[in-house]
């Protein structure tokens, strides 16, 4: 009888352990397309428009400066036979300094634009992280994974539309500066 009693205890123990580990092991996975959120959200579109506008402005300024420098260089080159050697060298040195200043200024503007973009993206991602954490807690999710890390998944596990709506409701615009 003791064998039957011990067997019952073991079977019940295994059943209890199996039941509780199964209920605790329930994992809820969903995924979100972060690239789509950044491209299609109101704040993402606003940031992209601001970046395009600033980039086009910089390109226009750079193009005009290049043309001016090229015109000055050509003018100096055409005066090579007219000017004295010392005067010509002074003008060449001056145009080279202008070109170095142009390159330095262009690099500063590009760096400034990149820093502004990174700061704005960081603000958006911080808000997005808060939204995802709240969504995860509300829906009792174990993991939210970026879609680019998923090879295939059920469409009903994609929460991109929900997150996009929440982000649009929370942030409309972010300043690049």
N, C-alpha and C. Protein backbone atom coordinates (compact mmCIF):
# COMPACT_ATOMS: atom_id res chain seq x y z
N UNK A 1 0.79 -1.19 0.00
CA UNK A 1 0.00 0.00 0.00
C UNK A 1 0.84 1.26 0.00
N UNK A 2 1.93 1.18 0.60
CA UNK A 2 2.77 2.36 0.65
C UNK A 2 3.28 2.72 -0.74
N UNK A 3 3.45 1.72 -1.60
CA UNK A 3 3.89 1.98 -2.97
C UNK A 3 2.77 2.70 -3.72
N UNK A 4 1.56 2.30 -3.56
CA UNK A 4 0.42 2.94 -4.22
C UNK A 4 0.27 4.37 -3.70
N UNK A 5 0.44 4.54 -2.40
CA UNK A 5 0.31 5.86 -1.80
C UNK A 5 1.43 6.78 -2.30
N UNK A 6 2.64 6.25 -2.35
CA UNK A 6 3.78 7.04 -2.84
C UNK A 6 3.59 7.38 -4.32
N UNK A 7 3.08 6.43 -5.09
CA UNK A 7 2.84 6.67 -6.51
C UNK A 7 1.81 7.77 -6.69
N UNK A 8 0.74 7.75 -5.90
CA UNK A 8 -0.28 8.80 -5.98
C UNK A 8 0.32 10.16 -5.66
N UNK A 9 1.12 10.23 -4.64
CA UNK A 9 1.74 11.49 -4.25
C UNK A 9 2.66 11.99 -5.36
N UNK A 10 3.43 11.09 -5.94
CA UNK A 10 4.35 11.47 -7.03
C UNK A 10 3.56 11.95 -8.25
N UNK A 11 2.52 11.22 -8.63
CA UNK A 11 1.71 11.59 -9.79
C UNK A 11 1.03 12.94 -9.55
N UNK A 12 0.48 13.14 -8.39
CA UNK A 12 -0.17 14.42 -8.07
C UNK A 12 0.86 15.55 -8.05
N UNK A 13 2.02 15.30 -7.51
CA UNK A 13 3.09 16.31 -7.47
C UNK A 13 3.52 16.69 -8.88
N UNK A 14 3.71 15.69 -9.72
CA UNK A 14 4.11 15.95 -11.11
C UNK A 14 3.01 16.73 -11.83
N UNK A 15 1.77 16.35 -11.61
CA UNK A 15 0.66 17.05 -12.24
C UNK A 15 0.61 18.52 -11.80
N UNK A 16 0.76 18.76 -10.50
CA UNK A 16 0.74 20.13 -9.99
C UNK A 16 1.91 20.94 -10.55
N UNK A 17 3.09 20.35 -10.53
CA UNK A 17 4.27 21.05 -11.07
C UNK A 17 4.07 21.33 -12.56
N UNK A 18 3.60 20.35 -13.30
CA UNK A 18 3.40 20.53 -14.74
C UNK A 18 2.34 21.59 -15.00
N UNK A 19 1.25 21.56 -14.25
CA UNK A 19 0.16 22.52 -14.45
C UNK A 19 0.62 23.95 -14.18
N UNK A 20 1.31 24.16 -13.06
CA UNK A 20 1.74 25.51 -12.70
C UNK A 20 2.86 26.02 -13.61
N UNK A 21 3.75 25.18 -14.04
CA UNK A 21 4.81 25.66 -14.94
C UNK A 21 4.22 25.97 -16.31
N UNK A 22 3.21 25.23 -16.74
CA UNK A 22 2.58 25.52 -18.02
C UNK A 22 1.84 26.85 -17.96
N UNK A 23 1.14 27.10 -16.87
CA UNK A 23 0.39 28.35 -16.78
C UNK A 23 1.33 29.54 -16.64
N UNK A 24 2.44 29.36 -15.98
CA UNK A 24 3.41 30.44 -15.82
C UNK A 24 4.25 30.62 -17.08
N UNK A 25 4.35 29.60 -17.88
CA UNK A 25 5.21 29.65 -19.06
C UNK A 25 4.52 30.26 -20.26
N UNK A 26 3.29 30.72 -20.08
CA UNK A 26 2.59 31.32 -21.21
C UNK A 26 3.25 32.64 -21.57
N UNK A 27 3.79 32.70 -22.77
CA UNK A 27 4.48 33.89 -23.23
C UNK A 27 3.66 34.53 -24.35
N UNK A 28 3.55 35.82 -24.28
CA UNK A 28 2.82 36.54 -25.33
C UNK A 28 3.81 37.39 -26.11
N UNK A 29 3.93 37.06 -27.37
CA UNK A 29 4.81 37.78 -28.28
C UNK A 29 3.98 38.58 -29.27
N UNK A 30 4.42 39.79 -29.56
CA UNK A 30 3.87 40.58 -30.65
C UNK A 30 5.05 41.26 -31.33
N UNK A 31 4.79 41.81 -32.50
CA UNK A 31 5.87 42.54 -33.16
C UNK A 31 5.34 43.83 -33.74
N UNK A 32 6.28 44.75 -33.95
CA UNK A 32 5.96 46.08 -34.44
C UNK A 32 7.00 46.48 -35.49
N UNK A 33 6.55 47.15 -36.52
CA UNK A 33 7.44 47.61 -37.59
C UNK A 33 7.89 49.03 -37.26
N UNK A 34 9.06 49.13 -36.65
CA UNK A 34 9.58 50.43 -36.21
C UNK A 34 9.86 51.37 -37.39
N UNK A 35 10.35 50.83 -38.48
CA UNK A 35 10.63 51.66 -39.66
C UNK A 35 9.33 52.29 -40.18
N UNK A 36 8.29 51.50 -40.23
CA UNK A 36 6.99 52.01 -40.71
C UNK A 36 6.47 53.09 -39.77
N UNK A 37 6.63 52.89 -38.49
CA UNK A 37 6.17 53.88 -37.52
C UNK A 37 6.91 55.20 -37.72
N UNK A 38 8.21 55.12 -37.93
CA UNK A 38 9.00 56.34 -38.12
C UNK A 38 8.65 57.05 -39.43
N UNK A 39 8.29 56.28 -40.46
CA UNK A 39 7.98 56.88 -41.76
C UNK A 39 6.53 57.35 -41.87
N UNK A 40 5.60 56.66 -41.21
CA UNK A 40 4.18 56.96 -41.40
C UNK A 40 3.53 57.75 -40.26
N UNK A 41 4.20 57.86 -39.13
CA UNK A 41 3.61 58.62 -38.04
C UNK A 41 3.65 60.11 -38.37
N UNK A 42 2.77 60.86 -37.77
CA UNK A 42 2.70 62.31 -38.00
C UNK A 42 4.03 62.95 -37.61
N UNK A 43 4.56 62.58 -36.46
CA UNK A 43 5.81 63.16 -35.99
C UNK A 43 6.99 62.71 -36.86
N UNK A 44 6.97 61.48 -37.33
CA UNK A 44 8.03 60.99 -38.21
C UNK A 44 8.03 61.71 -39.54
N UNK A 45 6.84 61.89 -40.11
CA UNK A 45 6.73 62.63 -41.38
C UNK A 45 7.20 64.07 -41.20
N UNK A 46 6.81 64.67 -40.08
CA UNK A 46 7.22 66.04 -39.80
C UNK A 46 8.74 66.15 -39.72
N UNK A 47 9.35 65.21 -39.03
CA UNK A 47 10.81 65.22 -38.90
C UNK A 47 11.49 65.02 -40.25
N UNK A 48 10.97 64.09 -41.05
CA UNK A 48 11.55 63.85 -42.38
C UNK A 48 11.43 65.09 -43.26
N UNK A 49 10.30 65.79 -43.19
CA UNK A 49 10.12 67.02 -43.97
C UNK A 49 11.11 68.09 -43.52
N UNK A 50 11.28 68.23 -42.23
CA UNK A 50 12.23 69.21 -41.71
C UNK A 50 13.66 68.88 -42.15
N UNK A 51 14.00 67.59 -42.10
CA UNK A 51 15.34 67.17 -42.52
C UNK A 51 15.56 67.43 -44.01
N UNK A 52 14.55 67.11 -44.82
CA UNK A 52 14.67 67.36 -46.27
C UNK A 52 14.83 68.85 -46.55
N UNK A 53 14.04 69.67 -45.87
CA UNK A 53 14.10 71.12 -46.08
C UNK A 53 15.49 71.65 -45.69
N UNK A 54 15.99 71.23 -44.55
CA UNK A 54 17.31 71.69 -44.10
C UNK A 54 18.41 71.18 -45.03
N UNK A 55 18.27 69.94 -45.47
CA UNK A 55 19.27 69.37 -46.38
C UNK A 55 19.28 70.11 -47.72
N UNK A 56 18.11 70.38 -48.26
CA UNK A 56 18.02 71.12 -49.53
C UNK A 56 18.58 72.54 -49.39
N UNK A 57 18.31 73.17 -48.25
CA UNK A 57 18.84 74.51 -47.99
C UNK A 57 20.37 74.47 -47.97
N UNK A 58 20.92 73.48 -47.26
CA UNK A 58 22.38 73.33 -47.20
C UNK A 58 22.97 73.06 -48.58
N UNK A 59 22.32 72.20 -49.35
CA UNK A 59 22.82 71.88 -50.69
C UNK A 59 22.84 73.13 -51.57
N UNK A 60 21.81 73.95 -51.45
CA UNK A 60 21.74 75.18 -52.24
C UNK A 60 22.87 76.13 -51.85
N UNK A 61 23.08 76.30 -50.57
CA UNK A 61 24.16 77.16 -50.07
C UNK A 61 25.52 76.63 -50.53
N UNK A 62 25.72 75.31 -50.40
CA UNK A 62 26.99 74.71 -50.80
C UNK A 62 27.23 74.89 -52.30
N UNK A 63 26.19 74.71 -53.08
CA UNK A 63 26.31 74.85 -54.53
C UNK A 63 26.69 76.28 -54.92
N UNK A 64 26.02 77.24 -54.31
CA UNK A 64 26.32 78.65 -54.60
C UNK A 64 27.75 78.99 -54.18
N UNK A 65 28.17 78.51 -53.03
CA UNK A 65 29.53 78.79 -52.57
C UNK A 65 30.56 78.16 -53.49
N UNK A 66 30.29 76.94 -53.94
CA UNK A 66 31.21 76.26 -54.87
C UNK A 66 31.34 77.05 -56.18
N UNK A 67 30.19 77.51 -56.69
CA UNK A 67 30.21 78.30 -57.93
C UNK A 67 31.01 79.58 -57.75
N UNK A 68 30.80 80.26 -56.63
CA UNK A 68 31.54 81.50 -56.36
C UNK A 68 33.03 81.24 -56.27
N UNK A 69 33.39 80.18 -55.57
CA UNK A 69 34.81 79.85 -55.45
C UNK A 69 35.41 79.46 -56.81
N UNK A 70 34.66 78.73 -57.60
CA UNK A 70 35.15 78.34 -58.93
C UNK A 70 35.32 79.57 -59.82
N UNK A 71 34.39 80.51 -59.73
CA UNK A 71 34.49 81.76 -60.51
C UNK A 71 35.73 82.55 -60.08
N UNK A 72 35.93 82.67 -58.78
CA UNK A 72 37.11 83.38 -58.28
C UNK A 72 38.40 82.70 -58.72
N UNK A 73 38.41 81.38 -58.64
CA UNK A 73 39.60 80.62 -59.05
C UNK A 73 39.89 80.82 -60.54
N UNK A 74 38.83 80.76 -61.34
CA UNK A 74 39.00 80.96 -62.78
C UNK A 74 39.50 82.38 -63.09
N UNK A 75 38.99 83.35 -62.33
CA UNK A 75 39.42 84.73 -62.53
C UNK A 75 40.90 84.89 -62.20
N UNK A 76 41.31 84.28 -61.09
CA UNK A 76 42.73 84.34 -60.70
C UNK A 76 43.59 83.62 -61.73
N UNK A 77 43.13 82.49 -62.19
CA UNK A 77 43.88 81.72 -63.21
C UNK A 77 44.03 82.53 -64.50
N UNK A 78 42.98 83.24 -64.87
CA UNK A 78 43.05 84.04 -66.10
C UNK A 78 43.99 85.24 -65.95
N UNK A 79 44.23 85.68 -64.72
CA UNK A 79 45.11 86.82 -64.46
C UNK A 79 46.56 86.40 -64.19
N UNK A 80 46.83 85.11 -64.31
CA UNK A 80 48.15 84.59 -63.97
C UNK A 80 49.26 85.32 -64.74
N UNK A 81 49.08 85.53 -66.02
CA UNK A 81 50.12 86.18 -66.83
C UNK A 81 50.17 87.69 -66.61
N UNK A 82 49.09 88.27 -66.12
CA UNK A 82 49.02 89.71 -65.92
C UNK A 82 49.62 90.12 -64.58
N UNK A 83 49.33 89.31 -63.54
CA UNK A 83 49.78 89.65 -62.19
C UNK A 83 51.24 89.27 -61.99
N UNK A 84 51.85 89.94 -61.01
CA UNK A 84 53.21 89.54 -60.64
C UNK A 84 53.13 88.21 -59.91
N UNK A 85 54.25 87.53 -59.84
CA UNK A 85 54.28 86.20 -59.22
C UNK A 85 53.82 86.27 -57.76
N UNK A 86 54.28 87.29 -57.02
CA UNK A 86 53.93 87.44 -55.61
C UNK A 86 52.42 87.72 -55.45
N UNK A 87 51.90 88.61 -56.29
CA UNK A 87 50.47 88.95 -56.23
C UNK A 87 49.61 87.73 -56.57
N UNK A 88 50.02 86.99 -57.57
CA UNK A 88 49.30 85.78 -57.97
C UNK A 88 49.29 84.76 -56.83
N UNK A 89 50.43 84.54 -56.20
CA UNK A 89 50.53 83.58 -55.09
C UNK A 89 49.67 84.01 -53.90
N UNK A 90 49.63 85.34 -53.63
CA UNK A 90 48.78 85.84 -52.55
C UNK A 90 47.31 85.53 -52.82
N UNK A 91 46.90 85.75 -54.06
CA UNK A 91 45.50 85.48 -54.42
C UNK A 91 45.19 83.98 -54.37
N UNK A 92 46.16 83.15 -54.78
CA UNK A 92 45.97 81.70 -54.71
C UNK A 92 45.85 81.25 -53.26
N UNK A 93 46.69 81.80 -52.40
CA UNK A 93 46.62 81.47 -50.97
C UNK A 93 45.28 81.92 -50.40
N UNK A 94 44.83 83.11 -50.78
CA UNK A 94 43.55 83.63 -50.29
C UNK A 94 42.38 82.73 -50.73
N UNK A 95 42.40 82.33 -52.00
CA UNK A 95 41.31 81.47 -52.48
C UNK A 95 41.36 80.09 -51.82
N UNK A 96 42.56 79.59 -51.54
CA UNK A 96 42.69 78.31 -50.83
C UNK A 96 42.15 78.41 -49.41
N UNK A 97 42.39 79.56 -48.75
CA UNK A 97 41.84 79.76 -47.40
C UNK A 97 40.31 79.81 -47.45
N UNK A 98 39.78 80.49 -48.45
CA UNK A 98 38.32 80.54 -48.61
C UNK A 98 37.75 79.14 -48.83
N UNK A 99 38.45 78.34 -49.63
CA UNK A 99 38.00 76.97 -49.88
C UNK A 99 38.04 76.14 -48.60
N UNK A 100 39.10 76.29 -47.80
CA UNK A 100 39.20 75.58 -46.52
C UNK A 100 38.08 76.00 -45.58
N UNK A 101 37.80 77.32 -45.56
CA UNK A 101 36.70 77.82 -44.73
C UNK A 101 35.37 77.23 -45.20
N UNK A 102 35.17 77.18 -46.50
CA UNK A 102 33.95 76.59 -47.08
C UNK A 102 33.80 75.14 -46.65
N UNK A 103 34.88 74.37 -46.74
CA UNK A 103 34.82 72.96 -46.35
C UNK A 103 34.52 72.82 -44.85
N UNK A 104 35.16 73.63 -44.04
CA UNK A 104 34.94 73.58 -42.60
C UNK A 104 33.49 73.96 -42.26
N UNK A 105 33.00 75.01 -42.90
CA UNK A 105 31.63 75.46 -42.67
C UNK A 105 30.62 74.39 -43.10
N UNK A 106 30.88 73.78 -44.25
CA UNK A 106 29.99 72.73 -44.74
C UNK A 106 29.97 71.56 -43.77
N UNK A 107 31.13 71.17 -43.27
CA UNK A 107 31.20 70.05 -42.33
C UNK A 107 30.46 70.38 -41.03
N UNK A 108 30.58 71.62 -40.56
CA UNK A 108 29.87 72.04 -39.35
C UNK A 108 28.36 71.96 -39.55
N UNK A 109 27.89 72.43 -40.70
CA UNK A 109 26.45 72.41 -40.97
C UNK A 109 25.92 70.98 -41.06
N UNK A 110 26.68 70.11 -41.68
CA UNK A 110 26.27 68.71 -41.79
C UNK A 110 26.25 68.07 -40.40
N UNK A 111 27.26 68.35 -39.60
CA UNK A 111 27.33 67.80 -38.24
C UNK A 111 26.18 68.33 -37.39
N UNK A 112 25.89 69.60 -37.52
CA UNK A 112 24.80 70.21 -36.76
C UNK A 112 23.46 69.58 -37.14
N UNK A 113 23.26 69.37 -38.43
CA UNK A 113 22.02 68.74 -38.90
C UNK A 113 21.91 67.31 -38.37
N UNK A 114 23.01 66.59 -38.40
CA UNK A 114 23.03 65.21 -37.90
C UNK A 114 22.73 65.16 -36.41
N UNK A 115 23.30 66.09 -35.64
CA UNK A 115 23.04 66.13 -34.20
C UNK A 115 21.57 66.46 -33.92
N UNK A 116 21.02 67.40 -34.69
CA UNK A 116 19.61 67.74 -34.54
C UNK A 116 18.71 66.55 -34.85
N UNK A 117 19.05 65.83 -35.93
CA UNK A 117 18.28 64.64 -36.30
C UNK A 117 18.36 63.58 -35.19
N UNK A 118 19.56 63.35 -34.68
CA UNK A 118 19.74 62.34 -33.63
C UNK A 118 18.98 62.71 -32.36
N UNK A 119 19.01 63.99 -31.98
CA UNK A 119 18.29 64.43 -30.78
C UNK A 119 16.78 64.28 -30.97
N UNK A 120 16.28 64.65 -32.14
CA UNK A 120 14.84 64.52 -32.41
C UNK A 120 14.43 63.04 -32.42
N UNK A 121 15.25 62.20 -33.05
CA UNK A 121 14.94 60.77 -33.08
C UNK A 121 14.95 60.18 -31.66
N UNK A 122 15.87 60.64 -30.84
CA UNK A 122 15.94 60.14 -29.47
C UNK A 122 14.66 60.50 -28.70
N UNK A 123 14.16 61.74 -28.91
CA UNK A 123 12.91 62.15 -28.26
C UNK A 123 11.75 61.28 -28.72
N UNK A 124 11.68 61.05 -30.02
CA UNK A 124 10.60 60.22 -30.55
C UNK A 124 10.69 58.80 -29.99
N UNK A 125 11.89 58.24 -30.00
CA UNK A 125 12.07 56.87 -29.50
C UNK A 125 11.78 56.76 -28.01
N UNK A 126 12.10 57.80 -27.24
CA UNK A 126 11.76 57.78 -25.81
C UNK A 126 10.25 57.74 -25.61
N UNK A 127 9.53 58.56 -26.36
CA UNK A 127 8.07 58.55 -26.27
C UNK A 127 7.50 57.21 -26.74
N UNK A 128 8.09 56.69 -27.81
CA UNK A 128 7.64 55.41 -28.34
C UNK A 128 7.89 54.29 -27.33
N UNK A 129 9.01 54.36 -26.64
CA UNK A 129 9.31 53.35 -25.62
C UNK A 129 8.28 53.40 -24.49
N UNK A 130 7.89 54.60 -24.09
CA UNK A 130 6.86 54.75 -23.05
C UNK A 130 5.54 54.15 -23.53
N UNK A 131 5.18 54.44 -24.77
CA UNK A 131 3.93 53.93 -25.34
C UNK A 131 3.97 52.40 -25.39
N UNK A 132 5.10 51.84 -25.84
CA UNK A 132 5.23 50.38 -25.92
C UNK A 132 5.18 49.73 -24.53
N UNK A 133 5.80 50.36 -23.55
CA UNK A 133 5.78 49.82 -22.19
C UNK A 133 4.36 49.82 -21.63
N UNK A 134 3.65 50.92 -21.85
CA UNK A 134 2.27 51.02 -21.39
C UNK A 134 1.38 50.00 -22.11
N UNK A 135 1.57 49.88 -23.41
CA UNK A 135 0.79 48.92 -24.21
C UNK A 135 1.07 47.49 -23.74
N UNK A 136 2.33 47.20 -23.49
CA UNK A 136 2.72 45.87 -23.03
C UNK A 136 2.09 45.54 -21.68
N UNK A 137 2.13 46.49 -20.79
CA UNK A 137 1.56 46.29 -19.45
C UNK A 137 0.05 46.10 -19.53
N UNK A 138 -0.60 46.95 -20.32
CA UNK A 138 -2.06 46.91 -20.46
C UNK A 138 -2.53 45.59 -21.07
N UNK A 139 -1.79 45.08 -22.06
CA UNK A 139 -2.18 43.86 -22.76
C UNK A 139 -1.46 42.61 -22.26
N UNK A 140 -0.72 42.74 -21.16
CA UNK A 140 -0.01 41.63 -20.53
C UNK A 140 0.88 40.89 -21.53
N UNK A 141 1.71 41.66 -22.23
CA UNK A 141 2.62 41.08 -23.22
C UNK A 141 3.97 40.77 -22.59
N UNK A 142 4.57 39.70 -23.03
CA UNK A 142 5.89 39.34 -22.53
C UNK A 142 6.97 40.03 -23.35
N UNK A 143 6.81 40.02 -24.67
CA UNK A 143 7.81 40.60 -25.56
C UNK A 143 7.14 41.40 -26.68
N UNK A 144 7.77 42.53 -27.02
CA UNK A 144 7.43 43.26 -28.23
C UNK A 144 8.73 43.30 -29.04
N UNK A 145 8.69 42.73 -30.22
CA UNK A 145 9.89 42.57 -31.03
C UNK A 145 9.77 43.41 -32.29
N UNK A 146 10.90 43.98 -32.73
CA UNK A 146 10.93 44.74 -33.98
C UNK A 146 10.73 43.77 -35.14
N UNK A 147 9.90 44.14 -36.08
CA UNK A 147 9.55 43.26 -37.19
C UNK A 147 10.76 42.87 -38.04
N UNK A 148 11.76 43.74 -38.13
CA UNK A 148 12.90 43.41 -38.97
C UNK A 148 13.70 42.22 -38.42
N UNK A 149 13.44 41.84 -37.17
CA UNK A 149 14.09 40.68 -36.58
C UNK A 149 13.25 39.41 -36.69
N UNK A 150 12.13 39.50 -37.39
CA UNK A 150 11.22 38.37 -37.54
C UNK A 150 11.22 37.93 -39.00
N UNK A 151 11.34 36.66 -39.22
CA UNK A 151 11.30 36.14 -40.59
C UNK A 151 9.86 36.00 -41.05
N UNK A 152 9.04 35.38 -40.22
CA UNK A 152 7.63 35.21 -40.56
C UNK A 152 6.83 35.20 -39.26
N UNK A 153 5.64 35.75 -39.32
CA UNK A 153 4.79 35.79 -38.14
C UNK A 153 3.34 35.98 -38.55
N UNK A 154 2.46 35.60 -37.67
CA UNK A 154 1.04 35.77 -37.95
C UNK A 154 0.70 37.25 -37.99
N UNK A 155 -0.16 37.61 -38.90
CA UNK A 155 -0.54 39.01 -39.08
C UNK A 155 -1.24 39.58 -37.84
N UNK A 156 -1.96 38.75 -37.12
CA UNK A 156 -2.67 39.24 -35.94
C UNK A 156 -1.72 39.59 -34.79
N UNK A 157 -0.45 39.22 -34.90
CA UNK A 157 0.53 39.56 -33.87
C UNK A 157 1.23 40.90 -34.17
N UNK A 158 0.94 41.48 -35.32
CA UNK A 158 1.54 42.76 -35.70
C UNK A 158 0.70 43.89 -35.09
N UNK A 159 1.30 44.67 -34.19
CA UNK A 159 0.59 45.74 -33.49
C UNK A 159 0.99 47.13 -34.00
N UNK A 160 1.60 47.17 -35.17
CA UNK A 160 2.11 48.44 -35.71
C UNK A 160 1.01 49.49 -35.82
N UNK A 161 -0.15 49.12 -36.33
CA UNK A 161 -1.25 50.09 -36.50
C UNK A 161 -1.68 50.68 -35.16
N UNK A 162 -1.78 49.82 -34.14
CA UNK A 162 -2.18 50.29 -32.81
C UNK A 162 -1.16 51.27 -32.25
N UNK A 163 0.10 50.92 -32.36
CA UNK A 163 1.16 51.78 -31.83
C UNK A 163 1.23 53.09 -32.61
N UNK A 164 1.01 53.00 -33.92
CA UNK A 164 1.02 54.20 -34.77
C UNK A 164 -0.08 55.17 -34.33
N UNK A 165 -1.27 54.65 -34.04
CA UNK A 165 -2.37 55.50 -33.57
C UNK A 165 -2.04 56.14 -32.23
N UNK A 166 -1.44 55.36 -31.33
CA UNK A 166 -1.09 55.89 -30.02
C UNK A 166 -0.01 56.97 -30.11
N UNK A 167 0.97 56.75 -30.97
CA UNK A 167 2.03 57.74 -31.15
C UNK A 167 1.49 59.02 -31.77
N UNK A 168 0.63 58.87 -32.78
CA UNK A 168 0.03 60.05 -33.42
C UNK A 168 -0.81 60.85 -32.44
N UNK A 169 -1.46 60.17 -31.52
CA UNK A 169 -2.28 60.86 -30.52
C UNK A 169 -1.40 61.58 -29.50
N UNK A 170 -0.22 61.08 -29.27
CA UNK A 170 0.65 61.65 -28.24
C UNK A 170 1.55 62.77 -28.76
N UNK A 171 2.14 62.61 -29.93
CA UNK A 171 3.06 63.62 -30.47
C UNK A 171 2.67 63.93 -31.90
N UNK A 172 2.57 65.21 -32.19
CA UNK A 172 2.24 65.63 -33.56
C UNK A 172 3.46 66.14 -34.28
N UNK A 173 4.32 66.87 -33.58
CA UNK A 173 5.46 67.50 -34.23
C UNK A 173 6.61 67.60 -33.25
N UNK A 174 7.79 67.52 -33.78
CA UNK A 174 8.99 67.69 -32.95
C UNK A 174 9.93 68.60 -33.72
N UNK A 175 10.55 69.49 -32.99
CA UNK A 175 11.43 70.47 -33.62
C UNK A 175 12.80 69.86 -33.89
N UNK A 176 13.33 70.14 -35.05
CA UNK A 176 14.65 69.63 -35.43
C UNK A 176 15.74 70.35 -34.66
N UNK A 177 15.51 71.59 -34.31
CA UNK A 177 16.55 72.38 -33.62
C UNK A 177 16.57 72.12 -32.16
